[in-house]
Amino acid sequence: MEIDQITQKIIGCAIEVHKALGPGLLESAYEECLAFELQQAGLKVERQKPIPIVYKDIKLDCGYRMDLLVEGRVVVELKAVDALIPVHEAQVLTYMKFGQKQVGLLINFNVTLLKNGLKRYVL
């Protein structure tokens, strides 16, 4: 499956979850429901995927975790906040870098229209 097809499916599933639940819930609830929708759509999903940091050829487990890794290729970072801020973008970009993934999605469910809470990143 092409990377664009994967991200389109992820966004479609996120819209489905947002339509059903709306804004105002905890991030963990959206993560659970989105993981379910993605699996129902036939996508492989890993939740809370650990991300080690490599420093001077030493792999360090510092406790960083991707919310979702879809098809082993797309980092999905979920938020349920009033507004996305630069640190959220830095977080998804860091996960992409250390996870060696080319594409990431930052999804904020605490918005009226989900398209206003979606950002796609490509390294």
PDB file of N, CA and C in Angstrom:
ATOM      1  N   MET A   1       0.849  -1.178   0.000  1.00  0.00           N
ATOM      2  CA  MET A   1       0.000   0.000   0.000  1.00  0.00           C
ATOM      3  C   MET A   1       0.897   1.244   0.000  1.00  0.00           C
ATOM      4  N   GLU A   2       0.542   2.218  -0.810  1.00  0.00           N
ATOM      5  CA  GLU A   2       1.302   3.465  -0.884  1.00  0.00           C
ATOM      6  C   GLU A   2       1.108   4.280   0.397  1.00  0.00           C
ATOM      7  N   ILE A   3       2.096   5.070   0.728  1.00  0.00           N
ATOM      8  CA  ILE A   3       2.064   5.868   1.956  1.00  0.00           C
ATOM      9  C   ILE A   3       0.886   6.841   1.960  1.00  0.00           C
ATOM     10  N   ASP A   4       0.553   7.420   0.792  1.00  0.00           N
ATOM     11  CA  ASP A   4      -0.589   8.332   0.721  1.00  0.00           C
ATOM     12  C   ASP A   4      -1.902   7.610   0.997  1.00  0.00           C
ATOM     13  N   GLN A   5      -2.019   6.372   0.538  1.00  0.00           N
ATOM     14  CA  GLN A   5      -3.222   5.585   0.805  1.00  0.00           C
ATOM     15  C   GLN A   5      -3.342   5.291   2.300  1.00  0.00           C
ATOM     16  N   ILE A   6      -2.215   5.011   2.932  1.00  0.00           N
ATOM     17  CA  ILE A   6      -2.231   4.737   4.376  1.00  0.00           C
ATOM     18  C   ILE A   6      -2.673   5.982   5.131  1.00  0.00           C
ATOM     19  N   THR A   7      -2.094   7.140   4.803  1.00  0.00           N
ATOM     20  CA  THR A   7      -2.474   8.359   5.532  1.00  0.00           C
ATOM     21  C   THR A   7      -3.931   8.739   5.265  1.00  0.00           C
ATOM     22  N   GLN A   8      -4.419   8.499   4.046  1.00  0.00           N
ATOM     23  CA  GLN A   8      -5.829   8.769   3.760  1.00  0.00           C
ATOM     24  C   GLN A   8      -6.741   7.888   4.612  1.00  0.00           C
ATOM     25  N   LYS A   9      -6.378   6.619   4.753  1.00  0.00           N
ATOM     26  CA  LYS A   9      -7.179   5.710   5.586  1.00  0.00           C
ATOM     27  C   LYS A   9      -7.144   6.142   7.047  1.00  0.00           C
ATOM     28  N   ILE A  10      -5.965   6.539   7.527  1.00  0.00           N
ATOM     29  CA  ILE A  10      -5.836   6.994   8.913  1.00  0.00           C
ATOM     30  C   ILE A  10      -6.727   8.210   9.142  1.00  0.00           C
ATOM     31  N   ILE A  11      -6.660   9.178   8.240  1.00  0.00           N
ATOM     32  CA  ILE A  11      -7.466  10.394   8.376  1.00  0.00           C
ATOM     33  C   ILE A  11      -8.956  10.060   8.320  1.00  0.00           C
ATOM     34  N   GLY A  12      -9.341   9.171   7.419  1.00  0.00           N
ATOM     35  CA  GLY A  12     -10.745   8.747   7.340  1.00  0.00           C
ATOM     36  C   GLY A  12     -11.218   8.104   8.635  1.00  0.00           C
ATOM     37  N   CYS A  13     -10.383   7.267   9.215  1.00  0.00           N
ATOM     38  CA  CYS A  13     -10.734   6.619  10.480  1.00  0.00           C
ATOM     39  C   CYS A  13     -10.806   7.645  11.610  1.00  0.00           C
ATOM     40  N   ALA A  14      -9.894   8.608  11.611  1.00  0.00           N
ATOM     41  CA  ALA A  14      -9.911   9.649  12.640  1.00  0.00           C
ATOM     42  C   ALA A  14     -11.177  10.486  12.531  1.00  0.00           C
ATOM     43  N   ILE A  15     -11.593  10.790  11.319  1.00  0.00           N
ATOM     44  CA  ILE A  15     -12.840  11.537  11.108  1.00  0.00           C
ATOM     45  C   ILE A  15     -14.025  10.734  11.634  1.00  0.00           C
ATOM     46  N   GLU A  16     -14.029   9.441  11.375  1.00  0.00           N
ATOM     47  CA  GLU A  16     -15.105   8.567  11.864  1.00  0.00           C
ATOM     48  C   GLU A  16     -15.181   8.601  13.393  1.00  0.00           C
ATOM     49  N   VAL A  17     -14.032   8.509  14.051  1.00  0.00           N
ATOM     50  CA  VAL A  17     -13.988   8.562  15.515  1.00  0.00           C
ATOM     51  C   VAL A  17     -14.477   9.917  16.007  1.00  0.00           C
ATOM     52  N   HIS A  18     -14.021  10.979  15.361  1.00  0.00           N
ATOM     53  CA  HIS A  18     -14.411  12.332  15.784  1.00  0.00           C
ATOM     54  C   HIS A  18     -15.909  12.564  15.588  1.00  0.00           C
ATOM     55  N   LYS A  19     -16.467  12.063  14.493  1.00  0.00           N
ATOM     56  CA  LYS A  19     -17.914  12.195  14.263  1.00  0.00           C
ATOM     57  C   LYS A  19     -18.703  11.511  15.377  1.00  0.00           C
ATOM     58  N   ALA A  20     -18.225  10.340  15.801  1.00  0.00           N
ATOM     59  CA  ALA A  20     -18.940   9.567  16.815  1.00  0.00           C
ATOM     60  C   ALA A  20     -18.782  10.152  18.220  1.00  0.00           C
ATOM     61  N   LEU A  21     -17.583  10.639  18.539  1.00  0.00           N
ATOM     62  CA  LEU A  21     -17.301  11.060  19.912  1.00  0.00           C
ATOM     63  C   LEU A  21     -17.305  12.568  20.115  1.00  0.00           C
ATOM     64  N   GLY A  22     -16.941  13.319  19.076  1.00  0.00           N
ATOM     65  CA  GLY A  22     -16.820  14.767  19.216  1.00  0.00           C
ATOM     66  C   GLY A  22     -15.628  15.144  20.073  1.00  0.00           C
ATOM     67  N   PRO A  23     -15.439  16.434  20.291  1.00  0.00           N
ATOM     68  CA  PRO A  23     -14.334  16.902  21.124  1.00  0.00           C
ATOM     69  C   PRO A  23     -14.649  16.742  22.605  1.00  0.00           C
ATOM     70  N   GLY A  24     -13.595  16.865  23.439  1.00  0.00           N
ATOM     71  CA  GLY A  24     -13.822  16.936  24.880  1.00  0.00           C
ATOM     72  C   GLY A  24     -13.437  15.713  25.690  1.00  0.00           C
ATOM     73  N   LEU A  25     -12.986  14.644  25.046  1.00  0.00           N
ATOM     74  CA  LEU A  25     -12.590  13.451  25.795  1.00  0.00           C
ATOM     75  C   LEU A  25     -11.085  13.447  26.028  1.00  0.00           C
ATOM     76  N   LEU A  26     -10.628  12.477  26.797  1.00  0.00           N
ATOM     77  CA  LEU A  26      -9.199  12.303  27.023  1.00  0.00           C
ATOM     78  C   LEU A  26      -8.538  11.706  25.795  1.00  0.00           C
ATOM     79  N   GLU A  27      -7.272  12.027  25.621  1.00  0.00           N
ATOM     80  CA  GLU A  27      -6.488  11.493  24.506  1.00  0.00           C
ATOM     81  C   GLU A  27      -6.533   9.962  24.472  1.00  0.00           C
ATOM     82  N   SER A  28      -6.482   9.328  25.636  1.00  0.00           N
ATOM     83  CA  SER A  28      -6.468   7.858  25.703  1.00  0.00           C
ATOM     84  C   SER A  28      -7.740   7.250  25.102  1.00  0.00           C
ATOM     85  N   ALA A  29      -8.871   7.919  25.243  1.00  0.00           N
ATOM     86  CA  ALA A  29     -10.118   7.417  24.660  1.00  0.00           C
ATOM     87  C   ALA A  29     -10.057   7.472  23.140  1.00  0.00           C
ATOM     88  N   TYR A  30      -9.545   8.568  22.610  1.00  0.00           N
ATOM     89  CA  TYR A  30      -9.407   8.690  21.155  1.00  0.00           C
ATOM     90  C   TYR A  30      -8.406   7.659  20.620  1.00  0.00           C
ATOM     91  N   GLU A  31      -7.326   7.436  21.367  1.00  0.00           N
ATOM     92  CA  GLU A  31      -6.326   6.451  20.935  1.00  0.00           C
ATOM     93  C   GLU A  31      -6.944   5.058  20.837  1.00  0.00           C
ATOM     94  N   GLU A  32      -7.691   4.679  21.841  1.00  0.00           N
ATOM     95  CA  GLU A  32      -8.338   3.362  21.869  1.00  0.00           C
ATOM     96  C   GLU A  32      -9.295   3.204  20.689  1.00  0.00           C
ATOM     97  N   CYS A  33     -10.125   4.198  20.472  1.00  0.00           N
ATOM     98  CA  CYS A  33     -11.120   4.129  19.405  1.00  0.00           C
ATOM     99  C   CYS A  33     -10.472   4.194  18.023  1.00  0.00           C
ATOM    100  N   LEU A  34      -9.470   5.044  17.849  1.00  0.00           N
ATOM    101  CA  LEU A  34      -8.801   5.136  16.554  1.00  0.00           C
ATOM    102  C   LEU A  34      -8.058   3.838  16.243  1.00  0.00           C
ATOM    103  N   ALA A  35      -7.404   3.250  17.221  1.00  0.00           N
ATOM    104  CA  ALA A  35      -6.716   1.975  17.000  1.00  0.00           C
ATOM    105  C   ALA A  35      -7.722   0.910  16.543  1.00  0.00           C
ATOM    106  N   PHE A  36      -8.884   0.889  17.170  1.00  0.00           N
ATOM    107  CA  PHE A  36      -9.933  -0.054  16.777  1.00  0.00           C
ATOM    108  C   PHE A  36     -10.365   0.186  15.326  1.00  0.00           C
ATOM    109  N   GLU A  37     -10.647   1.445  14.981  1.00  0.00           N
ATOM    110  CA  GLU A  37     -11.076   1.779  13.614  1.00  0.00           C
ATOM    111  C   GLU A  37     -10.014   1.404  12.578  1.00  0.00           C
ATOM    112  N   LEU A  38      -8.759   1.676  12.893  1.00  0.00           N
ATOM    113  CA  LEU A  38      -7.674   1.355  11.962  1.00  0.00           C
ATOM    114  C   LEU A  38      -7.570  -0.151  11.743  1.00  0.00           C
ATOM    115  N   GLN A  39      -7.713  -0.910  12.815  1.00  0.00           N
ATOM    116  CA  GLN A  39      -7.674  -2.369  12.686  1.00  0.00           C
ATOM    117  C   GLN A  39      -8.867  -2.872  11.871  1.00  0.00           C
ATOM    118  N   GLN A  40     -10.023  -2.270  12.086  1.00  0.00           N
ATOM    119  CA  GLN A  40     -11.210  -2.644  11.313  1.00  0.00           C
ATOM    120  C   GLN A  40     -11.025  -2.331   9.834  1.00  0.00           C
ATOM    121  N   ALA A  41     -10.208  -1.322   9.533  1.00  0.00           N
ATOM    122  CA  ALA A  41      -9.921  -0.930   8.147  1.00  0.00           C
ATOM    123  C   ALA A  41      -8.817  -1.798   7.531  1.00  0.00           C
ATOM    124  N   GLY A  42      -8.331  -2.771   8.308  1.00  0.00           N
ATOM    125  CA  GLY A  42      -7.332  -3.698   7.790  1.00  0.00           C
ATOM    126  C   GLY A  42      -5.892  -3.222   7.914  1.00  0.00           C
ATOM    127  N   LEU A  43      -5.664  -2.202   8.744  1.00  0.00           N
ATOM    128  CA  LEU A  43      -4.307  -1.682   8.918  1.00  0.00           C
ATOM    129  C   LEU A  43      -3.659  -2.272  10.167  1.00  0.00           C
ATOM    130  N   LYS A  44      -2.365  -2.479  10.081  1.00  0.00           N
ATOM    131  CA  LYS A  44      -1.593  -2.953  11.238  1.00  0.00           C
ATOM    132  C   LYS A  44      -1.284  -1.752  12.124  1.00  0.00           C
ATOM    133  N   VAL A  45      -1.605  -1.869  13.408  1.00  0.00           N
ATOM    134  CA  VAL A  45      -1.436  -0.760  14.345  1.00  0.00           C
ATOM    135  C   VAL A  45      -0.641  -1.223  15.559  1.00  0.00           C
ATOM    136  N   GLU A  46       0.367  -0.433  15.913  1.00  0.00           N
ATOM    137  CA  GLU A  46       1.110  -0.662  17.148  1.00  0.00           C
ATOM    138  C   GLU A  46       0.845   0.545  18.042  1.00  0.00           C
ATOM    139  N   ARG A  47       0.432   0.276  19.280  1.00  0.00           N
ATOM    140  CA  ARG A  47       0.122   1.351  20.227  1.00  0.00           C
ATOM    141  C   ARG A  47       1.261   1.523  21.214  1.00  0.00           C
ATOM    142  N   GLN A  48       1.517   2.781  21.571  1.00  0.00           N
ATOM    143  CA  GLN A  48       2.541   3.127  22.550  1.00  0.00           C
ATOM    144  C   GLN A  48       3.874   2.454  22.219  1.00  0.00           C
ATOM    145  N   LYS A  49       4.263   2.596  20.958  1.00  0.00           N
ATOM    146  CA  LYS A  49       5.489   1.994  20.428  1.00  0.00           C
ATOM    147  C   LYS A  49       6.720   2.695  21.024  1.00  0.00           C
ATOM    148  N   PRO A  50       7.573   1.953  21.734  1.00  0.00           N
ATOM    149  CA  PRO A  50       8.778   2.559  22.314  1.00  0.00           C
ATOM    150  C   PRO A  50       9.724   3.063  21.228  1.00  0.00           C
ATOM    151  N   ILE A  51      10.383   4.184  21.522  1.00  0.00           N
ATOM    152  CA  ILE A  51      11.353   4.770  20.598  1.00  0.00           C
ATOM    153  C   ILE A  51      12.664   4.968  21.344  1.00  0.00           C
ATOM    154  N   PRO A  52      13.642   4.137  21.061  1.00  0.00           N
ATOM    155  CA  PRO A  52      14.949   4.361  21.695  1.00  0.00           C
ATOM    156  C   PRO A  52      15.670   5.523  21.013  1.00  0.00           C
ATOM    157  N   ILE A  53      16.557   6.145  21.743  1.00  0.00           N
ATOM    158  CA  ILE A  53      17.398   7.205  21.206  1.00  0.00           C
ATOM    159  C   ILE A  53      18.800   6.643  21.056  1.00  0.00           C
ATOM    160  N   VAL A  54      19.403   6.871  19.893  1.00  0.00           N
ATOM    161  CA  VAL A  54      20.773   6.438  19.676  1.00  0.00           C
ATOM    162  C   VAL A  54      21.684   7.647  19.857  1.00  0.00           C
ATOM    163  N   TYR A  55      22.560   7.531  20.832  1.00  0.00           N
ATOM    164  CA  TYR A  55      23.500   8.604  21.139  1.00  0.00           C
ATOM    165  C   TYR A  55      24.903   8.027  21.157  1.00  0.00           C
ATOM    166  N   LYS A  56      25.752   8.492  20.251  1.00  0.00           N
ATOM    167  CA  LYS A  56      27.133   8.012  20.131  1.00  0.00           C
ATOM    168  C   LYS A  56      27.170   6.484  20.050  1.00  0.00           C
ATOM    169  N   ASP A  57      26.337   5.951  19.144  1.00  0.00           N
ATOM    170  CA  ASP A  57      26.255   4.519  18.876  1.00  0.00           C
ATOM    171  C   ASP A  57      25.737   3.687  20.053  1.00  0.00           C
ATOM    172  N   ILE A  58      25.139   4.338  21.034  1.00  0.00           N
ATOM    173  CA  ILE A  58      24.556   3.625  22.168  1.00  0.00           C
ATOM    174  C   ILE A  58      23.051   3.829  22.115  1.00  0.00           C
ATOM    175  N   LYS A  59      22.290   2.745  22.183  1.00  0.00           N
ATOM    176  CA  LYS A  59      20.830   2.817  22.174  1.00  0.00           C
ATOM    177  C   LYS A  59      20.340   3.025  23.603  1.00  0.00           C
ATOM    178  N   LEU A  60      19.651   4.147  23.823  1.00  0.00           N
ATOM    179  CA  LEU A  60      19.147   4.492  25.144  1.00  0.00           C
ATOM    180  C   LEU A  60      17.623   4.442  25.159  1.00  0.00           C
ATOM    181  N   ASP A  61      17.070   3.755  26.145  1.00  0.00           N
ATOM    182  CA  ASP A  61      15.621   3.736  26.296  1.00  0.00           C
ATOM    183  C   ASP A  61      15.248   4.839  27.265  1.00  0.00           C
ATOM    184  N   CYS A  62      14.759   5.945  26.724  1.00  0.00           N
ATOM    185  CA  CYS A  62      14.445   7.124  27.534  1.00  0.00           C
ATOM    186  C   CYS A  62      12.958   7.271  27.827  1.00  0.00           C
ATOM    187  N   GLY A  63      12.174   6.283  27.468  1.00  0.00           N
ATOM    188  CA  GLY A  63      10.753   6.335  27.775  1.00  0.00           C
ATOM    189  C   GLY A  63       9.885   7.035  26.752  1.00  0.00           C
ATOM    190  N   TYR A  64      10.431   7.383  25.590  1.00  0.00           N
ATOM    191  CA  TYR A  64       9.609   7.989  24.545  1.00  0.00           C
ATOM    192  C   TYR A  64       8.762   6.916  23.871  1.00  0.00           C
ATOM    193  N   ARG A  65       7.522   7.268  23.563  1.00  0.00           N
ATOM    194  CA  ARG A  65       6.607   6.319  22.928  1.00  0.00           C
ATOM    195  C   ARG A  65       5.726   7.037  21.916  1.00  0.00           C
ATOM    196  N   MET A  66       5.625   6.447  20.721  1.00  0.00           N
ATOM    197  CA  MET A  66       4.682   6.945  19.718  1.00  0.00           C
ATOM    198  C   MET A  66       3.287   6.516  20.158  1.00  0.00           C
ATOM    199  N   ASP A  67       2.306   7.380  19.985  1.00  0.00           N
ATOM    200  CA  ASP A  67       0.940   6.962  20.300  1.00  0.00           C
ATOM    201  C   ASP A  67       0.556   5.776  19.422  1.00  0.00           C
ATOM    202  N   LEU A  68       0.719   5.938  18.098  1.00  0.00           N
ATOM    203  CA  LEU A  68       0.400   4.868  17.159  1.00  0.00           C
ATOM    204  C   LEU A  68       1.453   4.820  16.061  1.00  0.00           C
ATOM    205  N   LEU A  69       1.775   3.623  15.650  1.00  0.00           N
ATOM    206  CA  LEU A  69       2.589   3.419  14.450  1.00  0.00           C
ATOM    207  C   LEU A  69       1.739   2.546  13.532  1.00  0.00           C
ATOM    208  N   VAL A  70       1.426   3.066  12.355  1.00  0.00           N
ATOM    209  CA  VAL A  70       0.508   2.384  11.441  1.00  0.00           C
ATOM    210  C   VAL A  70       1.283   1.814  10.262  1.00  0.00           C
ATOM    211  N   GLU A  71       1.055   0.527  10.026  1.00  0.00           N
ATOM    212  CA  GLU A  71       1.709  -0.199   8.928  1.00  0.00           C
ATOM    213  C   GLU A  71       3.237  -0.111   9.020  1.00  0.00           C
ATOM    214  N   GLY A  72       3.747   0.126  10.211  1.00  0.00           N
ATOM    215  CA  GLY A  72       5.184   0.230  10.410  1.00  0.00           C
ATOM    216  C   GLY A  72       5.809   1.419   9.714  1.00  0.00           C
ATOM    217  N   ARG A  73       4.983   2.344   9.211  1.00  0.00           N
ATOM    218  CA  ARG A  73       5.492   3.432   8.377  1.00  0.00           C
ATOM    219  C   ARG A  73       5.044   4.822   8.776  1.00  0.00           C
ATOM    220  N   VAL A  74       3.885   4.958   9.396  1.00  0.00           N
ATOM    221  CA  VAL A  74       3.339   6.287   9.682  1.00  0.00           C
ATOM    222  C   VAL A  74       3.208   6.489  11.194  1.00  0.00           C
ATOM    223  N   VAL A  75       3.871   7.533  11.692  1.00  0.00           N
ATOM    224  CA  VAL A  75       3.765   7.925  13.094  1.00  0.00           C
ATOM    225  C   VAL A  75       2.480   8.731  13.253  1.00  0.00           C
ATOM    226  N   VAL A  76       1.667   8.367  14.239  1.00  0.00           N
ATOM    227  CA  VAL A  76       0.447   9.111  14.520  1.00  0.00           C
ATOM    228  C   VAL A  76       0.507   9.575  15.975  1.00  0.00           C
ATOM    229  N   GLU A  77       0.564  10.879  16.148  1.00  0.00           N
ATOM    230  CA  GLU A  77       0.592  11.471  17.482  1.00  0.00           C
ATOM    231  C   GLU A  77      -0.753  12.130  17.728  1.00  0.00           C
ATOM    232  N   LEU A  78      -1.401  11.741  18.809  1.00  0.00           N
ATOM    233  CA  LEU A  78      -2.741  12.223  19.121  1.00  0.00           C
ATOM    234  C   LEU A  78      -2.715  13.251  20.241  1.00  0.00           C
ATOM    235  N   LYS A  79      -3.589  14.217  20.132  1.00  0.00           N
ATOM    236  CA  LYS A  79      -3.740  15.237  21.162  1.00  0.00           C
ATOM    237  C   LYS A  79      -5.220  15.501  21.389  1.00  0.00           C
ATOM    238  N   ALA A  80      -5.536  16.009  22.570  1.00  0.00           N
ATOM    239  CA  ALA A  80      -6.883  16.478  22.902  1.00  0.00           C
ATOM    240  C   ALA A  80      -6.687  17.774  23.690  1.00  0.00           C
ATOM    241  N   VAL A  81      -6.225  18.801  22.983  1.00  0.00           N
ATOM    242  CA  VAL A  81      -5.840  20.068  23.609  1.00  0.00           C
ATOM    243  C   VAL A  81      -6.587  21.229  22.955  1.00  0.00           C
ATOM    244  N   ASP A  82      -6.580  22.380  23.634  1.00  0.00           N
ATOM    245  CA  ASP A  82      -7.261  23.565  23.097  1.00  0.00           C
ATOM    246  C   ASP A  82      -6.657  24.011  21.773  1.00  0.00           C
ATOM    247  N   ALA A  83      -5.327  23.945  21.672  1.00  0.00           N
ATOM    248  CA  ALA A  83      -4.650  24.350  20.446  1.00  0.00           C
ATOM    249  C   ALA A  83      -3.307  23.636  20.346  1.00  0.00           C
ATOM    250  N   LEU A  84      -2.939  23.278  19.125  1.00  0.00           N
ATOM    251  CA  LEU A  84      -1.616  22.705  18.910  1.00  0.00           C
ATOM    252  C   LEU A  84      -0.589  23.829  19.046  1.00  0.00           C
ATOM    253  N   ILE A  85       0.532  23.493  19.670  1.00  0.00           N
ATOM    254  CA  ILE A  85       1.606  24.465  19.866  1.00  0.00           C
ATOM    255  C   ILE A  85       2.901  23.870  19.309  1.00  0.00           C
ATOM    256  N   PRO A  86       3.919  24.680  19.132  1.00  0.00           N
ATOM    257  CA  PRO A  86       5.159  24.184  18.511  1.00  0.00           C
ATOM    258  C   PRO A  86       5.762  22.939  19.156  1.00  0.00           C
ATOM    259  N   VAL A  87       5.604  22.766  20.453  1.00  0.00           N
ATOM    260  CA  VAL A  87       6.174  21.578  21.097  1.00  0.00           C
ATOM    261  C   VAL A  87       5.492  20.296  20.600  1.00  0.00           C
ATOM    262  N   HIS A  88       4.229  20.361  20.205  1.00  0.00           N
ATOM    263  CA  HIS A  88       3.541  19.184  19.661  1.00  0.00           C
ATOM    264  C   HIS A  88       4.143  18.797  18.314  1.00  0.00           C
ATOM    265  N   GLU A  89       4.412  19.806  17.490  1.00  0.00           N
ATOM    266  CA  GLU A  89       5.056  19.560  16.208  1.00  0.00           C
ATOM    267  C   GLU A  89       6.459  18.987  16.422  1.00  0.00           C
ATOM    268  N   ALA A  90       7.186  19.557  17.353  1.00  0.00           N
ATOM    269  CA  ALA A  90       8.532  19.055  17.656  1.00  0.00           C
ATOM    270  C   ALA A  90       8.479  17.601  18.112  1.00  0.00           C
ATOM    271  N   GLN A  91       7.470  17.261  18.868  1.00  0.00           N
ATOM    272  CA  GLN A  91       7.313  15.895  19.366  1.00  0.00           C
ATOM    273  C   GLN A  91       7.140  14.908  18.216  1.00  0.00           C
ATOM    274  N   VAL A  92       6.227  15.176  17.296  1.00  0.00           N
ATOM    275  CA  VAL A  92       5.999  14.247  16.183  1.00  0.00           C
ATOM    276  C   VAL A  92       7.224  14.178  15.281  1.00  0.00           C
ATOM    277  N   LEU A  93       7.883  15.309  15.054  1.00  0.00           N
ATOM    278  CA  LEU A  93       9.090  15.304  14.217  1.00  0.00           C
ATOM    279  C   LEU A  93      10.227  14.516  14.876  1.00  0.00           C
ATOM    280  N   THR A  94      10.343  14.620  16.179  1.00  0.00           N
ATOM    281  CA  THR A  94      11.357  13.847  16.909  1.00  0.00           C
ATOM    282  C   THR A  94      11.071  12.360  16.814  1.00  0.00           C
ATOM    283  N   TYR A  95       9.808  11.977  16.991  1.00  0.00           N
ATOM    284  CA  TYR A  95       9.442  10.563  16.880  1.00  0.00           C
ATOM    285  C   TYR A  95       9.739  10.034  15.483  1.00  0.00           C
ATOM    286  N   MET A  96       9.474  10.857  14.483  1.00  0.00           N
ATOM    287  CA  MET A  96       9.766  10.442  13.109  1.00  0.00           C
ATOM    288  C   MET A  96      11.267  10.264  12.914  1.00  0.00           C
ATOM    289  N   LYS A  97      12.032  11.187  13.431  1.00  0.00           N
ATOM    290  CA  LYS A  97      13.488  11.131  13.272  1.00  0.00           C
ATOM    291  C   LYS A  97      14.073   9.909  13.976  1.00  0.00           C
ATOM    292  N   PHE A  98      13.780   9.754  15.264  1.00  0.00           N
ATOM    293  CA  PHE A  98      14.347   8.637  16.019  1.00  0.00           C
ATOM    294  C   PHE A  98      13.753   7.292  15.607  1.00  0.00           C
ATOM    295  N   GLY A  99      12.503   7.301  15.125  1.00  0.00           N
ATOM    296  CA  GLY A  99      11.884   6.072  14.648  1.00  0.00           C
ATOM    297  C   GLY A  99      12.214   5.768  13.196  1.00  0.00           C
ATOM    298  N   GLN A 100      12.928   6.682  12.549  1.00  0.00           N
ATOM    299  CA  GLN A 100      13.318   6.562  11.145  1.00  0.00           C
ATOM    300  C   GLN A 100      12.090   6.324  10.253  1.00  0.00           C
ATOM    301  N   LYS A 101      11.086   7.168  10.447  1.00  0.00           N
ATOM    302  CA  LYS A 101       9.859   7.116   9.652  1.00  0.00           C
ATOM    303  C   LYS A 101       9.735   8.400   8.858  1.00  0.00           C
ATOM    304  N   GLN A 102       9.300   8.291   7.625  1.00  0.00           N
ATOM    305  CA  GLN A 102       9.229   9.436   6.723  1.00  0.00           C
ATOM    306  C   GLN A 102       8.008  10.312   6.927  1.00  0.00           C
ATOM    307  N   VAL A 103       6.899   9.708   7.361  1.00  0.00           N
ATOM    308  CA  VAL A 103       5.627  10.432   7.420  1.00  0.00           C
ATOM    309  C   VAL A 103       5.032  10.366   8.825  1.00  0.00           C
ATOM    310  N   GLY A 104       4.472  11.502   9.238  1.00  0.00           N
ATOM    311  CA  GLY A 104       3.803  11.561  10.529  1.00  0.00           C
ATOM    312  C   GLY A 104       2.535  12.381  10.445  1.00  0.00           C
ATOM    313  N   LEU A 105       1.579  12.027  11.289  1.00  0.00           N
ATOM    314  CA  LEU A 105       0.334  12.790  11.406  1.00  0.00           C
ATOM    315  C   LEU A 105       0.185  13.254  12.847  1.00  0.00           C
ATOM    316  N   LEU A 106      -0.162  14.510  13.010  1.00  0.00           N
ATOM    317  CA  LEU A 106      -0.484  15.071  14.308  1.00  0.00           C
ATOM    318  C   LEU A 106      -1.976  15.364  14.276  1.00  0.00           C
ATOM    319  N   ILE A 107      -2.723  14.731  15.175  1.00  0.00           N
ATOM    320  CA  ILE A 107      -4.182  14.852  15.154  1.00  0.00           C
ATOM    321  C   ILE A 107      -4.667  15.343  16.514  1.00  0.00           C
ATOM    322  N   ASN A 108      -5.310  16.504  16.497  1.00  0.00           N
ATOM    323  CA  ASN A 108      -5.911  17.065  17.703  1.00  0.00           C
ATOM    324  C   ASN A 108      -7.426  16.859  17.624  1.00  0.00           C
ATOM    325  N   PHE A 109      -7.956  16.046  18.532  1.00  0.00           N
ATOM    326  CA  PHE A 109      -9.388  15.737  18.517  1.00  0.00           C
ATOM    327  C   PHE A 109     -10.240  16.800  19.214  1.00  0.00           C
ATOM    328  N   ASN A 110      -9.620  17.745  19.894  1.00  0.00           N
ATOM    329  CA  ASN A 110     -10.376  18.746  20.640  1.00  0.00           C
ATOM    330  C   ASN A 110     -10.689  19.970  19.771  1.00  0.00           C
ATOM    331  N   VAL A 111     -11.297  19.720  18.616  1.00  0.00           N
ATOM    332  CA  VAL A 111     -11.690  20.771  17.673  1.00  0.00           C
ATOM    333  C   VAL A 111     -13.108  20.473  17.182  1.00  0.00           C
ATOM    334  N   THR A 112     -13.768  21.495  16.665  1.00  0.00           N
ATOM    335  CA  THR A 112     -15.120  21.300  16.147  1.00  0.00           C
ATOM    336  C   THR A 112     -15.096  20.502  14.850  1.00  0.00           C
ATOM    337  N   LEU A 113     -14.197  20.875  13.932  1.00  0.00           N
ATOM    338  CA  LEU A 113     -14.000  20.137  12.678  1.00  0.00           C
ATOM    339  C   LEU A 113     -12.624  19.512  12.702  1.00  0.00           C
ATOM    340  N   LEU A 114     -12.546  18.208  12.510  1.00  0.00           N
ATOM    341  CA  LEU A 114     -11.261  17.526  12.638  1.00  0.00           C
ATOM    342  C   LEU A 114     -10.227  18.026  11.637  1.00  0.00           C
ATOM    343  N   LYS A 115     -10.662  18.473  10.457  1.00  0.00           N
ATOM    344  CA  LYS A 115      -9.694  18.960   9.470  1.00  0.00           C
ATOM    345  C   LYS A 115      -8.882  20.132  10.028  1.00  0.00           C
ATOM    346  N   ASN A 116      -9.443  20.850  11.018  1.00  0.00           N
ATOM    347  CA  ASN A 116      -8.718  21.949  11.650  1.00  0.00           C
ATOM    348  C   ASN A 116      -7.708  21.469  12.697  1.00  0.00           C
ATOM    349  N   GLY A 117      -7.728  20.187  12.997  1.00  0.00           N
ATOM    350  CA  GLY A 117      -6.809  19.626  13.992  1.00  0.00           C
ATOM    351  C   GLY A 117      -5.825  18.642  13.385  1.00  0.00           C
ATOM    352  N   LEU A 118      -5.718  18.619  12.050  1.00  0.00           N
ATOM    353  CA  LEU A 118      -4.845  17.658  11.359  1.00  0.00           C
ATOM    354  C   LEU A 118      -3.629  18.337  10.758  1.00  0.00           C
ATOM    355  N   LYS A 119      -2.473  17.725  10.970  1.00  0.00           N
ATOM    356  CA  LYS A 119      -1.261  18.191  10.309  1.00  0.00           C
ATOM    357  C   LYS A 119      -0.478  16.958   9.851  1.00  0.00           C
ATOM    358  N   ARG A 120       0.063  17.040   8.633  1.00  0.00           N
ATOM    359  CA  ARG A 120       0.845  15.952   8.048  1.00  0.00           C
ATOM    360  C   ARG A 120       2.267  16.435   7.879  1.00  0.00           C
ATOM    361  N   TYR A 121       3.215  15.587   8.242  1.00  0.00           N
ATOM    362  CA  TYR A 121       4.631  15.924   8.160  1.00  0.00           C
ATOM    363  C   TYR A 121       5.365  14.876   7.322  1.00  0.00           C
ATOM    364  N   VAL A 122       6.326  15.355   6.533  1.00  0.00           N
ATOM    365  CA  VAL A 122       7.147  14.468   5.728  1.00  0.00           C
ATOM    366  C   VAL A 122       8.604  14.882   5.932  1.00  0.00           C
ATOM    367  N   LEU A 123       9.457  13.919   6.262  1.00  0.00           N
ATOM    368  CA  LEU A 123      10.886  14.203   6.395  1.00  0.00           C
ATOM    369  C   LEU A 123      11.580  13.972   5.069  1.00  0.00           C
TER     370      LEU A 123
END
